[in-house]
Amino acid sequence: MAWRFWQHSDRGQVDGINGSVDFNVFNGTVEELQTFVDGIKETP
């Protein structure tokens, strides 16, 4: 299976967020990403 996510950096900076954030790349289409997200169940 090909990779789905690649963590490009764990030290990214985003305006409005204090501290570092992960920068990730998704290997797929927008539709495939939406399907992946739709399958995530919220932890109670």
PDB file of N, CA and C in Angstrom:
ATOM      1  N   MET A   1       0.844  -1.182   0.000  1.00  0.00           N
ATOM      2  CA  MET A   1       0.000   0.000   0.000  1.00  0.00           C
ATOM      3  C   MET A   1       0.888   1.244   0.000  1.00  0.00           C
ATOM      4  N   ALA A   2       0.531   2.195  -0.801  1.00  0.00           N
ATOM      5  CA  ALA A   2       1.249   3.462  -0.844  1.00  0.00           C
ATOM      6  C   ALA A   2       0.969   4.267   0.425  1.00  0.00           C
ATOM      7  N   TRP A   3       1.829   5.189   0.705  1.00  0.00           N
ATOM      8  CA  TRP A   3       1.635   6.034   1.885  1.00  0.00           C
ATOM      9  C   TRP A   3       0.435   6.950   1.691  1.00  0.00           C
ATOM     10  N   ARG A   4      -0.232   7.292   2.791  1.00  0.00           N
ATOM     11  CA  ARG A   4      -1.388   8.197   2.754  1.00  0.00           C
ATOM     12  C   ARG A   4      -1.023   9.591   3.263  1.00  0.00           C
ATOM     13  N   PHE A   5      -0.260   9.643   4.359  1.00  0.00           N
ATOM     14  CA  PHE A   5       0.149  10.921   4.928  1.00  0.00           C
ATOM     15  C   PHE A   5       1.660  10.948   5.091  1.00  0.00           C
ATOM     16  N   TRP A   6       2.240  12.106   4.890  1.00  0.00           N
ATOM     17  CA  TRP A   6       3.654  12.323   5.137  1.00  0.00           C
ATOM     18  C   TRP A   6       3.766  13.561   6.005  1.00  0.00           C
ATOM     19  N   GLN A   7       4.404  13.414   7.176  1.00  0.00           N
ATOM     20  CA  GLN A   7       4.603  14.569   8.053  1.00  0.00           C
ATOM     21  C   GLN A   7       5.835  15.310   7.579  1.00  0.00           C
ATOM     22  N   HIS A   8       5.601  16.441   6.928  1.00  0.00           N
ATOM     23  CA  HIS A   8       6.664  17.257   6.348  1.00  0.00           C
ATOM     24  C   HIS A   8       7.487  17.934   7.439  1.00  0.00           C
ATOM     25  N   SER A   9       6.828  18.358   8.501  1.00  0.00           N
ATOM     26  CA  SER A   9       7.505  19.057   9.595  1.00  0.00           C
ATOM     27  C   SER A   9       6.631  19.009  10.843  1.00  0.00           C
ATOM     28  N   ASP A  10       7.276  19.036  11.994  1.00  0.00           N
ATOM     29  CA  ASP A  10       6.532  19.153  13.251  1.00  0.00           C
ATOM     30  C   ASP A  10       6.792  20.507  13.901  1.00  0.00           C
ATOM     31  N   ARG A  11       7.348  21.432  13.112  1.00  0.00           N
ATOM     32  CA  ARG A  11       7.719  22.746  13.647  1.00  0.00           C
ATOM     33  C   ARG A  11       7.138  23.894  12.829  1.00  0.00           C
ATOM     34  N   GLY A  12       5.998  23.656  12.207  1.00  0.00           N
ATOM     35  CA  GLY A  12       5.368  24.700  11.408  1.00  0.00           C
ATOM     36  C   GLY A  12       4.795  25.805  12.279  1.00  0.00           C
ATOM     37  N   GLN A  13       4.647  26.963  11.682  1.00  0.00           N
ATOM     38  CA  GLN A  13       4.066  28.114  12.370  1.00  0.00           C
ATOM     39  C   GLN A  13       2.850  28.590  11.586  1.00  0.00           C
ATOM     40  N   VAL A  14       1.747  28.828  12.292  1.00  0.00           N
ATOM     41  CA  VAL A  14       0.509  29.296  11.679  1.00  0.00           C
ATOM     42  C   VAL A  14       0.020  30.496  12.479  1.00  0.00           C
ATOM     43  N   ASP A  15      -0.290  31.591  11.777  1.00  0.00           N
ATOM     44  CA  ASP A  15      -0.818  32.777  12.453  1.00  0.00           C
ATOM     45  C   ASP A  15      -2.055  32.405  13.269  1.00  0.00           C
ATOM     46  N   GLY A  16      -2.097  32.878  14.516  1.00  0.00           N
ATOM     47  CA  GLY A  16      -3.242  32.633  15.379  1.00  0.00           C
ATOM     48  C   GLY A  16      -3.123  31.382  16.232  1.00  0.00           C
ATOM     49  N   ILE A  17      -2.066  30.591  16.021  1.00  0.00           N
ATOM     50  CA  ILE A  17      -1.853  29.381  16.822  1.00  0.00           C
ATOM     51  C   ILE A  17      -0.542  29.538  17.570  1.00  0.00           C
ATOM     52  N   ASN A  18      -0.608  29.426  18.892  1.00  0.00           N
ATOM     53  CA  ASN A  18       0.605  29.503  19.700  1.00  0.00           C
ATOM     54  C   ASN A  18       1.314  28.164  19.679  1.00  0.00           C
ATOM     55  N   GLY A  19       2.599  28.172  19.421  1.00  0.00           N
ATOM     56  CA  GLY A  19       3.379  26.947  19.397  1.00  0.00           C
ATOM     57  C   GLY A  19       3.464  26.358  18.001  1.00  0.00           C
ATOM     58  N   SER A  20       4.173  25.262  17.904  1.00  0.00           N
ATOM     59  CA  SER A  20       4.408  24.596  16.624  1.00  0.00           C
ATOM     60  C   SER A  20       3.238  23.710  16.230  1.00  0.00           C
ATOM     61  N   VAL A  21       3.067  23.538  14.928  1.00  0.00           N
ATOM     62  CA  VAL A  21       2.042  22.637  14.395  1.00  0.00           C
ATOM     63  C   VAL A  21       2.691  21.686  13.400  1.00  0.00           C
ATOM     64  N   ASP A  22       2.053  20.541  13.178  1.00  0.00           N
ATOM     65  CA  ASP A  22       2.514  19.597  12.162  1.00  0.00           C
ATOM     66  C   ASP A  22       2.103  20.095  10.785  1.00  0.00           C
ATOM     67  N   PHE A  23       2.990  19.947   9.815  1.00  0.00           N
ATOM     68  CA  PHE A  23       2.657  20.169   8.412  1.00  0.00           C
ATOM     69  C   PHE A  23       2.648  18.806   7.752  1.00  0.00           C
ATOM     70  N   ASN A  24       1.494  18.397   7.219  1.00  0.00           N
ATOM     71  CA  ASN A  24       1.331  17.076   6.630  1.00  0.00           C
ATOM     72  C   ASN A  24       0.901  17.182   5.176  1.00  0.00           C
ATOM     73  N   VAL A  25       1.246  16.158   4.409  1.00  0.00           N
ATOM     74  CA  VAL A  25       0.853  16.053   3.006  1.00  0.00           C
ATOM     75  C   VAL A  25      -0.003  14.801   2.868  1.00  0.00           C
ATOM     76  N   PHE A  26      -1.147  14.915   2.183  1.00  0.00           N
ATOM     77  CA  PHE A  26      -2.007  13.768   1.905  1.00  0.00           C
ATOM     78  C   PHE A  26      -1.748  13.303   0.482  1.00  0.00           C
ATOM     79  N   ASN A  27      -1.528  12.014   0.305  1.00  0.00           N
ATOM     80  CA  ASN A  27      -1.261  11.418  -1.005  1.00  0.00           C
ATOM     81  C   ASN A  27      -2.567  10.876  -1.577  1.00  0.00           C
ATOM     82  N   GLY A  28      -3.336  11.748  -2.212  1.00  0.00           N
ATOM     83  CA  GLY A  28      -4.610  11.335  -2.787  1.00  0.00           C
ATOM     84  C   GLY A  28      -5.393  12.539  -3.261  1.00  0.00           C
ATOM     85  N   THR A  29      -6.615  12.277  -3.667  1.00  0.00           N
ATOM     86  CA  THR A  29      -7.491  13.333  -4.166  1.00  0.00           C
ATOM     87  C   THR A  29      -8.274  13.961  -3.012  1.00  0.00           C
ATOM     88  N   VAL A  30      -8.906  15.078  -3.294  1.00  0.00           N
ATOM     89  CA  VAL A  30      -9.767  15.717  -2.299  1.00  0.00           C
ATOM     90  C   VAL A  30     -10.897  14.769  -1.912  1.00  0.00           C
ATOM     91  N   GLU A  31     -11.427  14.057  -2.887  1.00  0.00           N
ATOM     92  CA  GLU A  31     -12.515  13.108  -2.616  1.00  0.00           C
ATOM     93  C   GLU A  31     -12.041  11.983  -1.702  1.00  0.00           C
ATOM     94  N   GLU A  32     -10.827  11.475  -1.916  1.00  0.00           N
ATOM     95  CA  GLU A  32     -10.283  10.418  -1.058  1.00  0.00           C
ATOM     96  C   GLU A  32     -10.044  10.935   0.355  1.00  0.00           C
ATOM     97  N   LEU A  33      -9.591  12.169   0.473  1.00  0.00           N
ATOM     98  CA  LEU A  33      -9.399  12.760   1.798  1.00  0.00           C
ATOM     99  C   LEU A  33     -10.739  12.906   2.513  1.00  0.00           C
ATOM    100  N   GLN A  34     -11.768  13.350   1.796  1.00  0.00           N
ATOM    101  CA  GLN A  34     -13.091  13.497   2.406  1.00  0.00           C
ATOM    102  C   GLN A  34     -13.631  12.149   2.865  1.00  0.00           C
ATOM    103  N   THR A  35     -13.438  11.104   2.071  1.00  0.00           N
ATOM    104  CA  THR A  35     -13.867   9.759   2.455  1.00  0.00           C
ATOM    105  C   THR A  35     -13.150   9.310   3.720  1.00  0.00           C
ATOM    106  N   PHE A  36     -11.853   9.587   3.806  1.00  0.00           N
ATOM    107  CA  PHE A  36     -11.073   9.245   4.989  1.00  0.00           C
ATOM    108  C   PHE A  36     -11.622   9.977   6.217  1.00  0.00           C
ATOM    109  N   VAL A  37     -11.832  11.283   6.088  1.00  0.00           N
ATOM    110  CA  VAL A  37     -12.330  12.095   7.203  1.00  0.00           C
ATOM    111  C   VAL A  37     -13.723  11.641   7.625  1.00  0.00           C
ATOM    112  N   ASP A  38     -14.574  11.329   6.663  1.00  0.00           N
ATOM    113  CA  ASP A  38     -15.934  10.877   6.978  1.00  0.00           C
ATOM    114  C   ASP A  38     -15.934   9.587   7.785  1.00  0.00           C
ATOM    115  N   GLY A  39     -14.882   8.781   7.658  1.00  0.00           N
ATOM    116  CA  GLY A  39     -14.810   7.509   8.363  1.00  0.00           C
ATOM    117  C   GLY A  39     -14.267   7.609   9.778  1.00  0.00           C
ATOM    118  N   ILE A  40     -13.817   8.795  10.188  1.00  0.00           N
ATOM    119  CA  ILE A  40     -13.267   8.977  11.533  1.00  0.00           C
ATOM    120  C   ILE A  40     -14.412   9.128  12.531  1.00  0.00           C
ATOM    121  N   LYS A  41     -14.350   8.352  13.592  1.00  0.00           N
ATOM    122  CA  LYS A  41     -15.370   8.405  14.644  1.00  0.00           C
ATOM    123  C   LYS A  41     -14.858   9.280  15.781  1.00  0.00           C
ATOM    124  N   GLU A  42     -15.712  10.167  16.281  1.00  0.00           N
ATOM    125  CA  GLU A  42     -15.347  11.035  17.388  1.00  0.00           C
ATOM    126  C   GLU A  42     -15.216  10.213  18.664  1.00  0.00           C
ATOM    127  N   THR A  43     -14.145  10.477  19.412  1.00  0.00           N
ATOM    128  CA  THR A  43     -13.941   9.800  20.686  1.00  0.00           C
ATOM    129  C   THR A  43     -14.840  10.440  21.737  1.00  0.00           C
ATOM    130  N   PRO A  44     -15.634   9.630  22.445  1.00  0.00           N
ATOM    131  CA  PRO A  44     -16.544  10.196  23.460  1.00  0.00           C
ATOM    132  C   PRO A  44     -15.789  10.786  24.638  1.00  0.00           C
TER     133      PRO A  44
END
